[in-house]
Amino acid sequence: MLSEIDRALVTLLSTQTYLEERVRVDLDPPTKDWAARRTGPVLNLFLNDIRENTERRTADIVEVKDDKGIIVARRPTERTFMFSYAVSAWTSRPEDDHALLGAALMNLLQREYLPEDLCDGTLAELARVGRPAMIRVGGVLYSDRLVTELWSSIGGEFRPIIALTVSTLIPAGLPTPAGPPQTAPPKFTFQDTRNGGTSTVQAAAPVTPNEEEDNAPQAPTRTRTRESLG
């Protein structure tokens, strides 16, 4: 999933920051060594934090069905994770840095989520069912001091950044196989402890998910033995 997010962001920033020019986007930490090696203008897309959005965690269970609509397993619902990037611009002059970073900002602000055509794998599947990876631009990176601490920790040259956060669902937990499909009508037998009589309740035969709705189950039938009728 993480590599899919990287690829989608790199494609978005490299091809749509300037419509008539491709921009180089680098995922390496912007250290002094990296800055010394770079050639030409580049946008640095540095992943600096991964954490779960615990406010969106639920205890729901997702049913896994086969191609016939039969439940074959159950698994915990997905969890929402947030991937935070620091986007910085590197050219030969501060004014060019600002122009490139400003163009990247305008590009990102056109999107509420990662477009499906830029995604692949699980990220694209989620987008197709209306659950795309959401984009937040310019938010606080969890700490007012994080930007300064970020550059200090990697030993790089201080640059202004765009705080970019991508939120997406990630599968969690292992599926638990469901029991075999029901093939016979459910039947319940009750015994009267005073006289020994028994009473049996039987429901209608099970239906498959593909059967017509008008084939509604019949009302349960109830039978009694001679002893229970006395």
Foldseek 3Di string as FASTA:
>chain_A
DVVQVVQLVQCLLQCPLDVVHGAAEAADQQAPVNLVPDDAKYKYKYWDDKDFPVVPADQDKDFDADPQRDGFWIWGFWTKMKIKIWIFIDHDDPVVRVVSQVSSLVSLVVDQFRDLVSGDDPQNVCVVVPFHWGKDKQDDPPDPCVLVVSCVVRNHDRTHTIIMMIMGTDGDGDIGTDDDDAQAWDKDKDADPPQGWIKMKTWFGDDGPPDDPVCPTDGIDIDTDPRVVD
